[in-house]
Amino acid sequence: MDVQGAERARPYVEKAGATFRTVVDEENLLGQLYGFRAIPNGFLIDEDGVVRYKTLGGFDVRRAETAGVLKAWVAGSELSDAGDGAVPGSAAEISESNALLRRGLELYRQGKVAEAIAVWRQGIERDPTNLILRKQVWAVENPGKFYSGDVDYDWQREQTALGR
C-alpha cells in the first residue's frame, strides 16, 4: 500500500529477487475489503482467483514461519487462514478512513501535496490506529525513512508514540 505507486516498491521487490507477481494497492482497496489498518499483509491467491491464505500484519517472507507457509503452498498443501490481525474498528470507521485516504490521493496526484497531507491528517485524527494513513504522510514527508535502504521501523514506532 503506497499512494506514491509501484515505482516506490519496485526496488524492494527487485532486491528481494521476487519471481512472483506483486501488487501495490495505491487506493487501499484491500484495506477497505478486509478491514486492515496496517501493513505488511500477505495474501496467497490461486489460479482461479480464490484467496487460499491471508495474514494481516507482520507478513515477512524472511521469517521461518512465513517461509514455511509459502513452501507448503508451492508444494500444493492446503493452507488455513493465519488469522485476522486487523485492528478492531467498525466498518464505518474503516470506510471513512479509506475515503479520506482516496481524497488525499486525488489531491496528491494533482500535485497538491500539502493539501493531500492535510486530508490524510484529518483521517489520522478520526482514526488514530490507522497506520496506513500515517505511513502515507510519513513517506511523503520523510522519504529517506522509507525509500533509501531498509524501512526505519524504530523511527515509525517513535512517531506513533509521539502521536504523529
C-alpha atoms as a PDB file:
ATOM      1  CA  MET A   1       0.000   0.000   0.000  1.00  0.00           C
ATOM      2  CA  ASP A   2       1.668   3.158  -1.168  1.00  0.00           C
ATOM      3  CA  VAL A   3      -0.066   6.164  -2.682  1.00  0.00           C
ATOM      4  CA  GLN A   4       3.190   7.006  -4.429  1.00  0.00           C
ATOM      5  CA  GLY A   5       2.772   3.930  -6.606  1.00  0.00           C
ATOM      6  CA  ALA A   6       4.532   0.798  -7.703  1.00  0.00           C
ATOM      7  CA  GLU A   7       7.746   2.574  -8.650  1.00  0.00           C
ATOM      8  CA  ARG A   8       8.433   3.205  -4.952  1.00  0.00           C
ATOM      9  CA  ALA A   9       8.074  -0.501  -4.162  1.00  0.00           C
ATOM     10  CA  ARG A  10       9.918  -1.825  -7.224  1.00  0.00           C
ATOM     11  CA  PRO A  11      13.464  -1.549  -5.788  1.00  0.00           C
ATOM     12  CA  TYR A  12      12.449  -3.678  -2.786  1.00  0.00           C
ATOM     13  CA  VAL A  13      10.836  -6.310  -4.996  1.00  0.00           C
ATOM     14  CA  GLU A  14      13.935  -6.392  -7.197  1.00  0.00           C
ATOM     15  CA  LYS A  15      16.286  -6.535  -4.203  1.00  0.00           C
ATOM     16  CA  ALA A  16      14.299  -9.473  -2.832  1.00  0.00           C
ATOM     17  CA  GLY A  17      14.631 -11.266  -6.170  1.00  0.00           C
ATOM     18  CA  ALA A  18      10.894 -11.930  -6.188  1.00  0.00           C
ATOM     19  CA  THR A  19       9.791 -14.154  -9.044  1.00  0.00           C
ATOM     20  CA  PHE A  20       6.109 -13.898  -8.227  1.00  0.00           C
ATOM     21  CA  ARG A  21       3.605 -11.178  -9.049  1.00  0.00           C
ATOM     22  CA  THR A  22       3.434  -8.356  -6.542  1.00  0.00           C
ATOM     23  CA  VAL A  23       0.765  -5.700  -6.407  1.00  0.00           C
ATOM     24  CA  VAL A  24       0.795  -2.183  -4.992  1.00  0.00           C
ATOM     25  CA  ASP A  25      -2.657  -1.110  -3.891  1.00  0.00           C
ATOM     26  CA  GLU A  26      -2.474   2.679  -4.248  1.00  0.00           C
ATOM     27  CA  GLU A  27      -6.083   3.211  -3.155  1.00  0.00           C
ATOM     28  CA  ASN A  28      -6.157   0.754  -0.226  1.00  0.00           C
ATOM     29  CA  LEU A  29      -8.985  -1.227  -1.782  1.00  0.00           C
ATOM     30  CA  LEU A  30      -7.821  -4.345   0.073  1.00  0.00           C
ATOM     31  CA  GLY A  31      -7.750  -2.442   3.360  1.00  0.00           C
ATOM     32  CA  GLN A  32     -11.351  -1.497   2.752  1.00  0.00           C
ATOM     33  CA  LEU A  33     -12.323  -5.027   1.788  1.00  0.00           C
ATOM     34  CA  TYR A  34     -10.506  -6.850   4.595  1.00  0.00           C
ATOM     35  CA  GLY A  35     -10.626  -4.177   7.298  1.00  0.00           C
ATOM     36  CA  PHE A  36      -6.939  -3.759   7.992  1.00  0.00           C
ATOM     37  CA  ARG A  37      -5.224  -0.570   9.066  1.00  0.00           C
ATOM     38  CA  ALA A  38      -1.601  -1.645   8.910  1.00  0.00           C
ATOM     39  CA  ILE A  39       0.776  -3.328   6.516  1.00  0.00           C
ATOM     40  CA  PRO A  40       2.513  -5.597   5.503  1.00  0.00           C
ATOM     41  CA  ASN A  41      -0.100  -8.233   4.815  1.00  0.00           C
ATOM     42  CA  GLY A  42       0.102 -11.416   2.791  1.00  0.00           C
ATOM     43  CA  PHE A  43      -2.470 -12.989   0.503  1.00  0.00           C
ATOM     44  CA  LEU A  44      -1.933 -16.206  -1.427  1.00  0.00           C
ATOM     45  CA  ILE A  45      -4.361 -16.411  -4.321  1.00  0.00           C
ATOM     46  CA  ASP A  46      -4.725 -19.452  -6.555  1.00  0.00           C
ATOM     47  CA  GLU A  47      -5.058 -19.557 -10.345  1.00  0.00           C
ATOM     48  CA  ASP A  48      -8.832 -19.213 -10.035  1.00  0.00           C
ATOM     49  CA  GLY A  49      -8.579 -16.010  -8.004  1.00  0.00           C
ATOM     50  CA  VAL A  50      -9.548 -17.690  -4.718  1.00  0.00           C
ATOM     51  CA  VAL A  51      -7.797 -16.387  -1.596  1.00  0.00           C
ATOM     52  CA  ARG A  52      -6.290 -19.530  -0.055  1.00  0.00           C
ATOM     53  CA  TYR A  53      -4.387 -17.826   2.746  1.00  0.00           C
ATOM     54  CA  LYS A  54      -4.193 -14.417   4.303  1.00  0.00           C
ATOM     55  CA  THR A  55      -2.308 -12.956   7.178  1.00  0.00           C
ATOM     56  CA  LEU A  56      -2.878  -9.379   8.218  1.00  0.00           C
ATOM     57  CA  GLY A  57       0.044  -7.635   9.805  1.00  0.00           C
ATOM     58  CA  GLY A  58       3.597  -8.881  10.076  1.00  0.00           C
ATOM     59  CA  PHE A  59       3.800 -10.753   6.772  1.00  0.00           C
ATOM     60  CA  ASP A  60       7.524 -11.150   6.241  1.00  0.00           C
ATOM     61  CA  VAL A  61       8.994 -13.753   3.906  1.00  0.00           C
ATOM     62  CA  ARG A  62      12.256 -13.648   5.889  1.00  0.00           C
ATOM     63  CA  ARG A  63      10.523 -15.218   8.916  1.00  0.00           C
ATOM     64  CA  ALA A  64      10.782 -19.010   9.076  1.00  0.00           C
ATOM     65  CA  GLU A  65       7.057 -19.371   9.756  1.00  0.00           C
ATOM     66  CA  THR A  66       6.109 -17.322   6.686  1.00  0.00           C
ATOM     67  CA  ALA A  67       8.674 -19.090   4.503  1.00  0.00           C
ATOM     68  CA  GLY A  68       7.218 -22.420   5.656  1.00  0.00           C
ATOM     69  CA  VAL A  69       3.729 -21.348   4.643  1.00  0.00           C
ATOM     70  CA  LEU A  70       4.959 -20.305   1.220  1.00  0.00           C
ATOM     71  CA  LYS A  71       6.882 -23.567   0.701  1.00  0.00           C
ATOM     72  CA  ALA A  72       3.840 -25.595   1.745  1.00  0.00           C
ATOM     73  CA  TRP A  73       1.622 -23.673  -0.647  1.00  0.00           C
ATOM     74  CA  VAL A  74       4.016 -24.096  -3.559  1.00  0.00           C
ATOM     75  CA  ALA A  75       4.138 -27.825  -2.750  1.00  0.00           C
ATOM     76  CA  GLY A  76       0.345 -27.960  -3.069  1.00  0.00           C
ATOM     77  CA  SER A  77      -0.628 -28.217   0.594  1.00  0.00           C
ATOM     78  CA  GLU A  78      -3.945 -26.870   1.783  1.00  0.00           C
ATOM     79  CA  LEU A  79      -3.485 -23.777   3.912  1.00  0.00           C
ATOM     80  CA  SER A  80      -5.526 -22.401   6.743  1.00  0.00           C
ATOM     81  CA  ASP A  81      -6.010 -18.718   7.305  1.00  0.00           C
ATOM     82  CA  ALA A  82      -3.363 -17.313   9.649  1.00  0.00           C
ATOM     83  CA  GLY A  83      -5.909 -15.236  11.478  1.00  0.00           C
ATOM     84  CA  ASP A  84      -7.288 -11.795  11.213  1.00  0.00           C
ATOM     85  CA  GLY A  85      -4.705  -9.399  12.620  1.00  0.00           C
ATOM     86  CA  ALA A  86      -6.984  -6.482  11.843  1.00  0.00           C
ATOM     87  CA  VAL A  87      -7.189  -3.620  14.292  1.00  0.00           C
ATOM     88  CA  PRO A  88     -10.692  -3.598  15.786  1.00  0.00           C
ATOM     89  CA  GLY A  89     -12.993  -0.959  14.436  1.00  0.00           C
ATOM     90  CA  SER A  90     -16.296  -0.562  12.766  1.00  0.00           C
ATOM     91  CA  ALA A  91     -16.778  -0.887   9.044  1.00  0.00           C
ATOM     92  CA  ALA A  92     -17.949   2.742   9.054  1.00  0.00           C
ATOM     93  CA  GLU A  93     -14.663   3.935  10.622  1.00  0.00           C
ATOM     94  CA  ILE A  94     -12.623   1.971   8.115  1.00  0.00           C
ATOM     95  CA  SER A  95     -14.756   3.230   5.247  1.00  0.00           C
ATOM     96  CA  GLU A  96     -14.363   6.847   6.395  1.00  0.00           C
ATOM     97  CA  SER A  97     -10.589   6.428   6.770  1.00  0.00           C
ATOM     98  CA  ASN A  98     -10.312   4.983   3.292  1.00  0.00           C
ATOM     99  CA  ALA A  99     -12.470   7.737   1.817  1.00  0.00           C
ATOM    100  CA  LEU A 100     -10.047  10.297   3.275  1.00  0.00           C
ATOM    101  CA  LEU A 101      -7.076   8.308   2.020  1.00  0.00           C
ATOM    102  CA  ARG A 102      -8.511   8.314  -1.500  1.00  0.00           C
ATOM    103  CA  ARG A 103      -9.446  12.014  -1.322  1.00  0.00           C
ATOM    104  CA  GLY A 104      -5.860  12.765  -0.324  1.00  0.00           C
ATOM    105  CA  LEU A 105      -4.606  10.531  -3.130  1.00  0.00           C
ATOM    106  CA  GLU A 106      -6.589  12.555  -5.680  1.00  0.00           C
ATOM    107  CA  LEU A 107      -5.005  15.751  -4.364  1.00  0.00           C
ATOM    108  CA  TYR A 108      -1.560  14.139  -4.319  1.00  0.00           C
ATOM    109  CA  ARG A 109      -1.936  13.083  -7.957  1.00  0.00           C
ATOM    110  CA  GLN A 110      -2.869  16.675  -8.832  1.00  0.00           C
ATOM    111  CA  GLY A 111       0.395  17.849  -7.278  1.00  0.00           C
ATOM    112  CA  LYS A 112      -1.381  19.325  -4.240  1.00  0.00           C
ATOM    113  CA  VAL A 113       0.884  17.586  -1.758  1.00  0.00           C
ATOM    114  CA  ALA A 114       0.278  19.867   1.247  1.00  0.00           C
ATOM    115  CA  GLU A 115      -3.483  19.578   0.778  1.00  0.00           C
ATOM    116  CA  ALA A 116      -3.219  15.794   0.475  1.00  0.00           C
ATOM    117  CA  ILE A 117      -1.243  15.592   3.704  1.00  0.00           C
ATOM    118  CA  ALA A 118      -3.827  17.786   5.451  1.00  0.00           C
ATOM    119  CA  VAL A 119      -6.621  15.405   4.369  1.00  0.00           C
ATOM    120  CA  TRP A 120      -4.629  12.363   5.497  1.00  0.00           C
ATOM    121  CA  ARG A 121      -4.019  14.047   8.860  1.00  0.00           C
ATOM    122  CA  GLN A 122      -7.798  14.527   9.195  1.00  0.00           C
ATOM    123  CA  GLY A 123      -8.106  10.788   8.709  1.00  0.00           C
ATOM    124  CA  ILE A 124      -5.492  10.140  11.382  1.00  0.00           C
ATOM    125  CA  GLU A 125      -7.363  12.401  13.812  1.00  0.00           C
ATOM    126  CA  ARG A 126     -10.545  10.387  13.222  1.00  0.00           C
ATOM    127  CA  ASP A 127      -8.779   7.014  13.218  1.00  0.00           C
ATOM    128  CA  PRO A 128      -5.523   7.209  15.239  1.00  0.00           C
ATOM    129  CA  THR A 129      -4.867   3.465  14.864  1.00  0.00           C
ATOM    130  CA  ASN A 130      -4.710   3.691  11.074  1.00  0.00           C
ATOM    131  CA  LEU A 131      -1.039   3.132  10.276  1.00  0.00           C
ATOM    132  CA  ILE A 132      -1.734   3.101   6.556  1.00  0.00           C
ATOM    133  CA  LEU A 133      -2.733   6.776   6.670  1.00  0.00           C
ATOM    134  CA  ARG A 134       0.200   7.601   8.945  1.00  0.00           C
ATOM    135  CA  LYS A 135       2.659   5.874   6.630  1.00  0.00           C
ATOM    136  CA  GLN A 136       1.479   7.861   3.624  1.00  0.00           C
ATOM    137  CA  VAL A 137       2.175  11.113   5.460  1.00  0.00           C
ATOM    138  CA  TRP A 138       5.488   9.857   6.810  1.00  0.00           C
ATOM    139  CA  ALA A 139       6.645   8.534   3.434  1.00  0.00           C
ATOM    140  CA  VAL A 140       5.821  11.768   1.600  1.00  0.00           C
ATOM    141  CA  GLU A 141       7.366  13.990   4.287  1.00  0.00           C
ATOM    142  CA  ASN A 142      10.343  11.728   5.104  1.00  0.00           C
ATOM    143  CA  PRO A 143      11.197   9.648   2.030  1.00  0.00           C
ATOM    144  CA  GLY A 144      14.642   8.825   3.421  1.00  0.00           C
ATOM    145  CA  LYS A 145      12.997   6.783   6.162  1.00  0.00           C
ATOM    146  CA  PHE A 146      11.204   4.629   3.590  1.00  0.00           C
ATOM    147  CA  TYR A 147      12.886   4.581   0.225  1.00  0.00           C
ATOM    148  CA  SER A 148      16.628   4.502   0.760  1.00  0.00           C
ATOM    149  CA  GLY A 149      17.507   1.098   2.085  1.00  0.00           C
ATOM    150  CA  ASP A 150      15.689  -0.570   4.940  1.00  0.00           C
ATOM    151  CA  VAL A 151      12.460   0.911   6.258  1.00  0.00           C
ATOM    152  CA  ASP A 152      13.177   2.583   9.603  1.00  0.00           C
ATOM    153  CA  TYR A 153      10.658   0.817  11.854  1.00  0.00           C
ATOM    154  CA  ASP A 154      12.214   2.212  15.051  1.00  0.00           C
ATOM    155  CA  TRP A 155      11.560   5.739  13.752  1.00  0.00           C
ATOM    156  CA  GLN A 156       7.969   4.758  12.931  1.00  0.00           C
ATOM    157  CA  ARG A 157       7.405   3.481  16.482  1.00  0.00           C
ATOM    158  CA  GLU A 158       8.795   6.765  17.824  1.00  0.00           C
ATOM    159  CA  GLN A 159       6.473   8.774  15.581  1.00  0.00           C
ATOM    160  CA  THR A 160       3.478   6.722  16.686  1.00  0.00           C
ATOM    161  CA  ALA A 161       4.383   7.200  20.353  1.00  0.00           C
ATOM    162  CA  LEU A 162       4.575  10.954  19.711  1.00  0.00           C
ATOM    163  CA  GLY A 163       1.106  10.891  18.111  1.00  0.00           C
ATOM    164  CA  ARG A 164       2.325  11.928  14.673  1.00  0.00           C
END
